[in-house]
PDB file of N, CA and C in Angstrom:
ATOM      1  N   UNK A   1      -0.088  64.917  14.879  1.00  0.00           N
ATOM      2  CA  UNK A   1       0.534  66.169  14.511  1.00  0.00           C
ATOM      3  C   UNK A   1      -0.298  66.837  13.417  1.00  0.00           C
ATOM      4  N   UNK A   2      -0.588  68.098  13.583  1.00  0.00           N
ATOM      5  CA  UNK A   2      -1.349  68.849  12.595  1.00  0.00           C
ATOM      6  C   UNK A   2      -0.419  69.394  11.536  1.00  0.00           C
ATOM      7  N   UNK A   3      -0.947  69.525  10.337  1.00  0.00           N
ATOM      8  CA  UNK A   3      -0.172  70.146   9.270  1.00  0.00           C
ATOM      9  C   UNK A   3      -1.105  70.977   8.412  1.00  0.00           C
ATOM     10  N   UNK A   4      -0.543  71.915   7.714  1.00  0.00           N
ATOM     11  CA  UNK A   4      -1.336  72.752   6.824  1.00  0.00           C
ATOM     12  C   UNK A   4      -1.709  71.943   5.591  1.00  0.00           C
ATOM     13  N   UNK A   5      -2.971  72.026   5.192  1.00  0.00           N
ATOM     14  CA  UNK A   5      -3.418  71.388   3.959  1.00  0.00           C
ATOM     15  C   UNK A   5      -4.088  72.433   3.089  1.00  0.00           C
ATOM     16  N   UNK A   6      -4.115  72.170   1.812  1.00  0.00           N
ATOM     17  CA  UNK A   6      -4.704  73.107   0.869  1.00  0.00           C
ATOM     18  C   UNK A   6      -5.454  72.288  -0.169  1.00  0.00           C
ATOM     19  N   UNK A   7      -6.754  72.513  -0.256  1.00  0.00           N
ATOM     20  CA  UNK A   7      -7.579  71.838  -1.241  1.00  0.00           C
ATOM     21  C   UNK A   7      -8.223  72.892  -2.124  1.00  0.00           C
ATOM     22  N   UNK A   8      -8.514  72.508  -3.333  1.00  0.00           N
ATOM     23  CA  UNK A   8      -9.318  73.377  -4.181  1.00  0.00           C
ATOM     24  C   UNK A   8     -10.266  72.486  -4.947  1.00  0.00           C
ATOM     25  N   UNK A   9     -11.407  73.029  -5.294  1.00  0.00           N
ATOM     26  CA  UNK A   9     -12.362  72.211  -6.012  1.00  0.00           C
ATOM     27  C   UNK A   9     -13.668  72.920  -6.251  1.00  0.00           C
ATOM     28  N   UNK A  10     -14.701  72.113  -6.339  1.00  0.00           N
ATOM     29  CA  UNK A  10     -16.019  72.624  -6.671  1.00  0.00           C
ATOM     30  C   UNK A  10     -17.053  71.854  -5.865  1.00  0.00           C
ATOM     31  N   UNK A  11     -18.095  72.554  -5.433  1.00  0.00           N
ATOM     32  CA  UNK A  11     -19.241  71.931  -4.773  1.00  0.00           C
ATOM     33  C   UNK A  11     -20.377  71.898  -5.776  1.00  0.00           C
ATOM     34  N   UNK A  12     -20.875  70.710  -6.070  1.00  0.00           N
ATOM     35  CA  UNK A  12     -21.889  70.520  -7.094  1.00  0.00           C
ATOM     36  C   UNK A  12     -23.214  70.164  -6.421  1.00  0.00           C
ATOM     37  N   UNK A  13     -24.265  70.981  -6.622  1.00  0.00           N
ATOM     38  CA  UNK A  13     -25.551  70.656  -6.004  1.00  0.00           C
ATOM     39  C   UNK A  13     -26.113  69.355  -6.572  1.00  0.00           C
ATOM     40  N   UNK A  14     -26.620  68.490  -5.685  1.00  0.00           N
ATOM     41  CA  UNK A  14     -27.189  67.217  -6.127  1.00  0.00           C
ATOM     42  C   UNK A  14     -28.695  67.308  -6.315  1.00  0.00           C
ATOM     43  N   UNK A  15     -29.307  68.359  -5.766  1.00  0.00           N
ATOM     44  CA  UNK A  15     -30.756  68.491  -5.844  1.00  0.00           C
ATOM     45  C   UNK A  15     -31.474  67.647  -4.804  1.00  0.00           C
ATOM     46  N   UNK A  16     -30.740  67.047  -3.883  1.00  0.00           N
ATOM     47  CA  UNK A  16     -31.307  66.200  -2.849  1.00  0.00           C
ATOM     48  C   UNK A  16     -31.092  66.845  -1.489  1.00  0.00           C
ATOM     49  N   UNK A  17     -32.133  66.849  -0.671  1.00  0.00           N
ATOM     50  CA  UNK A  17     -31.984  67.370   0.686  1.00  0.00           C
ATOM     51  C   UNK A  17     -31.348  66.297   1.562  1.00  0.00           C
ATOM     52  N   UNK A  18     -30.740  66.740   2.647  1.00  0.00           N
ATOM     53  CA  UNK A  18     -30.139  65.809   3.597  1.00  0.00           C
ATOM     54  C   UNK A  18     -31.230  64.898   4.153  1.00  0.00           C
ATOM     55  N   UNK A  19     -32.385  65.461   4.416  1.00  0.00           N
ATOM     56  CA  UNK A  19     -33.509  64.700   4.955  1.00  0.00           C
ATOM     57  C   UNK A  19     -33.963  63.604   3.983  1.00  0.00           C
ATOM     58  N   UNK A  20     -34.008  63.905   2.698  1.00  0.00           N
ATOM     59  CA  UNK A  20     -34.465  62.938   1.695  1.00  0.00           C
ATOM     60  C   UNK A  20     -33.394  61.917   1.329  1.00  0.00           C
ATOM     61  N   UNK A  21     -32.152  62.181   1.695  1.00  0.00           N
ATOM     62  CA  UNK A  21     -31.053  61.291   1.322  1.00  0.00           C
ATOM     63  C   UNK A  21     -31.234  59.885   1.896  1.00  0.00           C
ATOM     64  N   UNK A  22     -31.703  59.797   3.124  1.00  0.00           N
ATOM     65  CA  UNK A  22     -31.975  58.498   3.721  1.00  0.00           C
ATOM     66  C   UNK A  22     -30.755  57.745   4.200  1.00  0.00           C
ATOM     67  N   UNK A  23     -29.616  58.419   4.301  1.00  0.00           N
ATOM     68  CA  UNK A  23     -28.393  57.795   4.809  1.00  0.00           C
ATOM     69  C   UNK A  23     -27.466  58.893   5.294  1.00  0.00           C
ATOM     70  N   UNK A  24     -26.398  58.498   5.944  1.00  0.00           N
ATOM     71  CA  UNK A  24     -25.397  59.458   6.407  1.00  0.00           C
ATOM     72  C   UNK A  24     -24.615  60.000   5.213  1.00  0.00           C
ATOM     73  N   UNK A  25     -24.161  61.228   5.338  1.00  0.00           N
ATOM     74  CA  UNK A  25     -23.313  61.794   4.294  1.00  0.00           C
ATOM     75  C   UNK A  25     -21.972  61.077   4.253  1.00  0.00           C
ATOM     76  N   UNK A  26     -21.401  60.967   3.067  1.00  0.00           N
ATOM     77  CA  UNK A  26     -20.045  60.447   2.906  1.00  0.00           C
ATOM     78  C   UNK A  26     -19.112  61.662   2.962  1.00  0.00           C
ATOM     79  N   UNK A  27     -18.605  61.945   4.164  1.00  0.00           N
ATOM     80  CA  UNK A  27     -17.768  63.133   4.309  1.00  0.00           C
ATOM     81  C   UNK A  27     -16.517  63.009   3.463  1.00  0.00           C
ATOM     82  N   UNK A  28     -16.043  64.135   2.987  1.00  0.00           N
ATOM     83  CA  UNK A  28     -14.997  64.319   1.981  1.00  0.00           C
ATOM     84  C   UNK A  28     -15.534  64.077   0.576  1.00  0.00           C
ATOM     85  N   UNK A  29     -16.729  63.447   0.451  1.00  0.00           N
ATOM     86  CA  UNK A  29     -17.361  63.278  -0.856  1.00  0.00           C
ATOM     87  C   UNK A  29     -18.639  64.094  -0.973  1.00  0.00           C
ATOM     88  N   UNK A  30     -19.277  64.367   0.180  1.00  0.00           N
ATOM     89  CA  UNK A  30     -20.535  65.109   0.216  1.00  0.00           C
ATOM     90  C   UNK A  30     -20.523  66.054   1.405  1.00  0.00           C
ATOM     91  N   UNK A  31     -21.212  67.189   1.267  1.00  0.00           N
ATOM     92  CA  UNK A  31     -21.348  68.130   2.381  1.00  0.00           C
ATOM     93  C   UNK A  31     -22.786  68.630   2.441  1.00  0.00           C
ATOM     94  N   UNK A  32     -23.169  69.055   3.633  1.00  0.00           N
ATOM     95  CA  UNK A  32     -24.490  69.625   3.893  1.00  0.00           C
ATOM     96  C   UNK A  32     -24.349  71.138   3.912  1.00  0.00           C
ATOM     97  N   UNK A  33     -25.027  71.802   2.993  1.00  0.00           N
ATOM     98  CA  UNK A  33     -25.037  73.260   2.967  1.00  0.00           C
ATOM     99  C   UNK A  33     -26.500  73.693   2.967  1.00  0.00           C
ATOM    100  N   UNK A  34     -26.921  74.240   4.094  1.00  0.00           N
ATOM    101  CA  UNK A  34     -28.303  74.699   4.215  1.00  0.00           C
ATOM    102  C   UNK A  34     -29.325  73.583   4.066  1.00  0.00           C
ATOM    103  N   UNK A  35     -28.971  72.372   4.473  1.00  0.00           N
ATOM    104  CA  UNK A  35     -29.892  71.258   4.388  1.00  0.00           C
ATOM    105  C   UNK A  35     -29.905  70.535   3.051  1.00  0.00           C
ATOM    106  N   UNK A  36     -29.124  71.008   2.101  1.00  0.00           N
ATOM    107  CA  UNK A  36     -29.034  70.365   0.788  1.00  0.00           C
ATOM    108  C   UNK A  36     -27.681  69.667   0.647  1.00  0.00           C
ATOM    109  N   UNK A  37     -27.672  68.569  -0.090  1.00  0.00           N
ATOM    110  CA  UNK A  37     -26.454  67.784  -0.284  1.00  0.00           C
ATOM    111  C   UNK A  37     -25.704  68.297  -1.505  1.00  0.00           C
ATOM    112  N   UNK A  38     -24.423  68.531  -1.328  1.00  0.00           N
ATOM    113  CA  UNK A  38     -23.535  68.925  -2.420  1.00  0.00           C
ATOM    114  C   UNK A  38     -22.456  67.858  -2.556  1.00  0.00           C
ATOM    115  N   UNK A  39     -22.165  67.468  -3.770  1.00  0.00           N
ATOM    116  CA  UNK A  39     -21.079  66.549  -4.066  1.00  0.00           C
ATOM    117  C   UNK A  39     -19.779  67.348  -4.101  1.00  0.00           C
ATOM    118  N   UNK A  40     -18.727  66.781  -3.540  1.00  0.00           N
ATOM    119  CA  UNK A  40     -17.438  67.469  -3.471  1.00  0.00           C
ATOM    120  C   UNK A  40     -16.508  66.910  -4.542  1.00  0.00           C
ATOM    121  N   UNK A  41     -16.032  67.788  -5.406  1.00  0.00           N
ATOM    122  CA  UNK A  41     -15.009  67.443  -6.390  1.00  0.00           C
ATOM    123  C   UNK A  41     -13.788  68.268  -6.012  1.00  0.00           C
ATOM    124  N   UNK A  42     -12.746  67.604  -5.548  1.00  0.00           N
ATOM    125  CA  UNK A  42     -11.592  68.388  -5.103  1.00  0.00           C
ATOM    126  C   UNK A  42     -10.305  67.623  -5.286  1.00  0.00           C
ATOM    127  N   UNK A  43      -9.241  68.380  -5.208  1.00  0.00           N
ATOM    128  CA  UNK A  43      -7.919  67.812  -5.282  1.00  0.00           C
ATOM    129  C   UNK A  43      -7.035  68.430  -4.221  1.00  0.00           C
ATOM    130  N   UNK A  44      -6.021  67.714  -3.851  1.00  0.00           N
ATOM    131  CA  UNK A  44      -5.045  68.174  -2.873  1.00  0.00           C
ATOM    132  C   UNK A  44      -4.049  69.090  -3.568  1.00  0.00           C
ATOM    133  N   UNK A  45      -3.714  70.163  -2.918  1.00  0.00           N
ATOM    134  CA  UNK A  45      -2.708  71.088  -3.429  1.00  0.00           C
ATOM    135  C   UNK A  45      -1.548  71.085  -2.446  1.00  0.00           C
ATOM    136  N   UNK A  46      -0.349  70.943  -2.961  1.00  0.00           N
ATOM    137  CA  UNK A  46       0.837  70.954  -2.110  1.00  0.00           C
ATOM    138  C   UNK A  46       0.857  72.257  -1.303  1.00  0.00           C
ATOM    139  N   UNK A  47       0.805  72.169   0.040  1.00  0.00           N
ATOM    140  CA  UNK A  47       0.746  73.390   0.842  1.00  0.00           C
ATOM    141  C   UNK A  47       2.035  74.212   0.788  1.00  0.00           C
ATOM    142  N   UNK A  48       3.100  73.648   0.235  1.00  0.00           N
ATOM    143  CA  UNK A  48       4.367  74.362   0.163  1.00  0.00           C
ATOM    144  C   UNK A  48       4.628  74.944  -1.221  1.00  0.00           C
ATOM    145  N   UNK A  49       3.733  74.668  -2.160  1.00  0.00           N
ATOM    146  CA  UNK A  49       3.915  75.156  -3.526  1.00  0.00           C
ATOM    147  C   UNK A  49       3.341  76.567  -3.664  1.00  0.00           C
ATOM    148  N   UNK A  50       3.954  77.344  -4.529  1.00  0.00           N
ATOM    149  CA  UNK A  50       3.413  78.661  -4.854  1.00  0.00           C
ATOM    150  C   UNK A  50       2.198  78.483  -5.754  1.00  0.00           C
ATOM    151  N   UNK A  51       1.235  79.395  -5.645  1.00  0.00           N
ATOM    152  CA  UNK A  51       0.021  79.340  -6.456  1.00  0.00           C
ATOM    153  C   UNK A  51      -0.198  80.703  -7.087  1.00  0.00           C
ATOM    154  N   UNK A  52      -0.417  80.703  -8.389  1.00  0.00           N
ATOM    155  CA  UNK A  52      -0.710  81.932  -9.127  1.00  0.00           C
ATOM    156  C   UNK A  52      -1.808  81.613 -10.132  1.00  0.00           C
ATOM    157  N   UNK A  53      -3.064  81.912  -9.789  1.00  0.00           N
ATOM    158  CA  UNK A  53      -4.193  81.612 -10.673  1.00  0.00           C
ATOM    159  C   UNK A  53      -5.119  82.803 -10.770  1.00  0.00           C
ATOM    160  N   UNK A  54      -5.749  82.929 -11.920  1.00  0.00           N
ATOM    161  CA  UNK A  54      -6.767  83.962 -12.091  1.00  0.00           C
ATOM    162  C   UNK A  54      -7.722  83.543 -13.198  1.00  0.00           C
ATOM    163  N   UNK A  55      -8.928  84.072 -13.134  1.00  0.00           N
ATOM    164  CA  UNK A  55      -9.908  83.846 -14.194  1.00  0.00           C
ATOM    165  C   UNK A  55     -10.825  85.056 -14.266  1.00  0.00           C
ATOM    166  N   UNK A  56     -11.201  85.401 -15.469  1.00  0.00           N
ATOM    167  CA  UNK A  56     -12.046  86.564 -15.683  1.00  0.00           C
ATOM    168  C   UNK A  56     -13.503  86.137 -15.746  1.00  0.00           C
ATOM    169  N   UNK A  57     -14.357  86.865 -15.052  1.00  0.00           N
ATOM    170  CA  UNK A  57     -15.785  86.598 -15.022  1.00  0.00           C
ATOM    171  C   UNK A  57     -16.509  87.432 -16.079  1.00  0.00           C
ATOM    172  N   UNK A  58     -17.741  87.047 -16.372  1.00  0.00           N
ATOM    173  CA  UNK A  58     -18.522  87.754 -17.398  1.00  0.00           C
ATOM    174  C   UNK A  58     -18.739  89.227 -17.068  1.00  0.00           C
ATOM    175  N   UNK A  59     -18.786  89.558 -15.772  1.00  0.00           N
ATOM    176  CA  UNK A  59     -19.026  90.956 -15.382  1.00  0.00           C
ATOM    177  C   UNK A  59     -17.761  91.802 -15.372  1.00  0.00           C
ATOM    178  N   UNK A  60     -16.639  91.218 -15.820  1.00  0.00           N
ATOM    179  CA  UNK A  60     -15.389  91.958 -15.895  1.00  0.00           C
ATOM    180  C   UNK A  60     -14.513  91.840 -14.661  1.00  0.00           C
ATOM    181  N   UNK A  61     -15.044  91.279 -13.566  1.00  0.00           N
ATOM    182  CA  UNK A  61     -14.218  91.075 -12.386  1.00  0.00           C
ATOM    183  C   UNK A  61     -13.264  89.907 -12.627  1.00  0.00           C
ATOM    184  N   UNK A  62     -12.206  89.864 -11.856  1.00  0.00           N
ATOM    185  CA  UNK A  62     -11.212  88.798 -11.995  1.00  0.00           C
ATOM    186  C   UNK A  62     -11.070  88.094 -10.658  1.00  0.00           C
ATOM    187  N   UNK A  63     -11.313  86.788 -10.643  1.00  0.00           N
ATOM    188  CA  UNK A  63     -11.058  85.980  -9.456  1.00  0.00           C
ATOM    189  C   UNK A  63      -9.581  85.616  -9.456  1.00  0.00           C
ATOM    190  N   UNK A  64      -8.987  85.576  -8.276  1.00  0.00           N
ATOM    191  CA  UNK A  64      -7.577  85.207  -8.216  1.00  0.00           C
ATOM    192  C   UNK A  64      -7.308  84.374  -6.973  1.00  0.00           C
ATOM    193  N   UNK A  65      -6.233  83.613  -7.045  1.00  0.00           N
ATOM    194  CA  UNK A  65      -5.708  82.890  -5.902  1.00  0.00           C
ATOM    195  C   UNK A  65      -4.195  82.954  -6.029  1.00  0.00           C
ATOM    196  N   UNK A  66      -3.555  83.518  -5.044  1.00  0.00           N
ATOM    197  CA  UNK A  66      -2.099  83.573  -5.030  1.00  0.00           C
ATOM    198  C   UNK A  66      -1.611  83.071  -3.671  1.00  0.00           C
ATOM    199  N   UNK A  67      -0.539  82.324  -3.707  1.00  0.00           N
ATOM    200  CA  UNK A  67       0.123  81.859  -2.490  1.00  0.00           C
ATOM    201  C   UNK A  67       1.607  81.819  -2.815  1.00  0.00           C
ATOM    202  N   UNK A  68       2.386  82.532  -2.039  1.00  0.00           N
ATOM    203  CA  UNK A  68       3.798  82.667  -2.378  1.00  0.00           C
ATOM    204  C   UNK A  68       4.589  83.045  -1.139  1.00  0.00           C
ATOM    205  N   UNK A  69       5.874  82.852  -1.218  1.00  0.00           N
ATOM    206  CA  UNK A  69       6.770  83.276  -0.155  1.00  0.00           C
ATOM    207  C   UNK A  69       6.960  84.784  -0.276  1.00  0.00           C
ATOM    208  N   UNK A  70       6.615  85.499   0.791  1.00  0.00           N
ATOM    209  CA  UNK A  70       6.601  86.956   0.757  1.00  0.00           C
ATOM    210  C   UNK A  70       7.973  87.568   0.526  1.00  0.00           C
ATOM    211  N   UNK A  71       9.040  86.830   0.742  1.00  0.00           N
ATOM    212  CA  UNK A  71      10.371  87.354   0.481  1.00  0.00           C
ATOM    213  C   UNK A  71      10.771  87.222  -0.978  1.00  0.00           C
ATOM    214  N   UNK A  72       9.989  86.432  -1.739  1.00  0.00           N
ATOM    215  CA  UNK A  72      10.322  86.183  -3.141  1.00  0.00           C
ATOM    216  C   UNK A  72       9.686  87.161  -4.102  1.00  0.00           C
ATOM    217  N   UNK A  73       8.520  87.693  -3.744  1.00  0.00           N
ATOM    218  CA  UNK A  73       7.847  88.683  -4.585  1.00  0.00           C
ATOM    219  C   UNK A  73       6.831  89.417  -3.728  1.00  0.00           C
ATOM    220  N   UNK A  74       6.225  90.442  -4.294  1.00  0.00           N
ATOM    221  CA  UNK A  74       5.195  91.203  -3.597  1.00  0.00           C
ATOM    222  C   UNK A  74       3.833  90.920  -4.206  1.00  0.00           C
ATOM    223  N   UNK A  75       2.784  91.477  -3.597  1.00  0.00           N
ATOM    224  CA  UNK A  75       1.423  91.231  -4.056  1.00  0.00           C
ATOM    225  C   UNK A  75       1.216  91.666  -5.504  1.00  0.00           C
ATOM    226  N   UNK A  76       1.672  92.851  -5.866  1.00  0.00           N
ATOM    227  CA  UNK A  76       1.493  93.342  -7.242  1.00  0.00           C
ATOM    228  C   UNK A  76       2.134  92.397  -8.255  1.00  0.00           C
ATOM    229  N   UNK A  77       3.346  91.965  -7.967  1.00  0.00           N
ATOM    230  CA  UNK A  77       4.036  91.034  -8.860  1.00  0.00           C
ATOM    231  C   UNK A  77       3.334  89.693  -8.943  1.00  0.00           C
ATOM    232  N   UNK A  78       2.793  89.225  -7.813  1.00  0.00           N
ATOM    233  CA  UNK A  78       2.085  87.946  -7.795  1.00  0.00           C
ATOM    234  C   UNK A  78       0.817  88.020  -8.643  1.00  0.00           C
ATOM    235  N   UNK A  79       0.067  89.110  -8.520  1.00  0.00           N
ATOM    236  CA  UNK A  79      -1.164  89.273  -9.318  1.00  0.00           C
ATOM    237  C   UNK A  79      -0.822  89.358 -10.795  1.00  0.00           C
ATOM    238  N   UNK A  80       0.191  90.156 -11.136  1.00  0.00           N
ATOM    239  CA  UNK A  80       0.586  90.285 -12.543  1.00  0.00           C
ATOM    240  C   UNK A  80       0.990  88.926 -13.112  1.00  0.00           C
ATOM    241  N   UNK A  81       1.745  88.153 -12.340  1.00  0.00           N
ATOM    242  CA  UNK A  81       2.171  86.830 -12.798  1.00  0.00           C
ATOM    243  C   UNK A  81       0.975  85.887 -12.946  1.00  0.00           C
ATOM    244  N   UNK A  82       0.038  85.947 -12.002  1.00  0.00           N
ATOM    245  CA  UNK A  82      -1.155  85.096 -12.066  1.00  0.00           C
ATOM    246  C   UNK A  82      -1.977  85.400 -13.315  1.00  0.00           C
ATOM    247  N   UNK A  83      -2.141  86.674 -13.633  1.00  0.00           N
ATOM    248  CA  UNK A  83      -2.913  87.061 -14.811  1.00  0.00           C
ATOM    249  C   UNK A  83      -2.184  86.640 -16.095  1.00  0.00           C
ATOM    250  N   UNK A  84      -0.891  86.877 -16.138  1.00  0.00           N
ATOM    251  CA  UNK A  84      -0.107  86.498 -17.303  1.00  0.00           C
ATOM    252  C   UNK A  84      -0.095  84.975 -17.486  1.00  0.00           C
ATOM    253  N   UNK A  85       0.128  84.260 -16.402  1.00  0.00           N
ATOM    254  CA  UNK A  85       0.213  82.799 -16.450  1.00  0.00           C
ATOM    255  C   UNK A  85      -1.136  82.173 -16.856  1.00  0.00           C
ATOM    256  N   UNK A  86      -2.228  82.766 -16.401  1.00  0.00           N
ATOM    257  CA  UNK A  86      -3.563  82.232 -16.718  1.00  0.00           C
ATOM    258  C   UNK A  86      -4.093  82.761 -18.048  1.00  0.00           C
ATOM    259  N   UNK A  87      -3.312  83.621 -18.689  1.00  0.00           N
ATOM    260  CA  UNK A  87      -3.674  84.206 -19.974  1.00  0.00           C
ATOM    261  C   UNK A  87      -5.035  84.924 -19.934  1.00  0.00           C
ATOM    262  N   UNK A  88      -5.268  85.655 -18.821  1.00  0.00           N
ATOM    263  CA  UNK A  88      -6.484  86.451 -18.691  1.00  0.00           C
ATOM    264  C   UNK A  88      -6.290  87.766 -19.426  1.00  0.00           C
ATOM    265  N   UNK A  89      -7.212  88.095 -20.303  1.00  0.00           N
ATOM    266  CA  UNK A  89      -7.135  89.365 -21.026  1.00  0.00           C
ATOM    267  C   UNK A  89      -7.800  90.444 -20.182  1.00  0.00           C
ATOM    268  N   UNK A  90      -7.063  91.517 -19.913  1.00  0.00           N
ATOM    269  CA  UNK A  90      -7.606  92.625 -19.125  1.00  0.00           C
ATOM    270  C   UNK A  90      -7.860  93.830 -19.982  1.00  0.00           C
TER     271      UNK A  90
END
């Protein structure tokens, strides 16, 4: 049975090519992106939980991730809550 999953994390370049690695990739721990090996640092996120996150970048743009039940709030409210909750100064 399939189910929805939600992961978040970071891909960290190892500086090693897949060709130079000399072994098979450890999937879920390593991935091949353009022939280079990246280490995977990730965590499981409850697919049924609401998500309200934001972070401000140096260029003034704001990255966000929101996941919510559409009957509980709207997009504008979700973004405002994400910014407030993450304490992003606008």
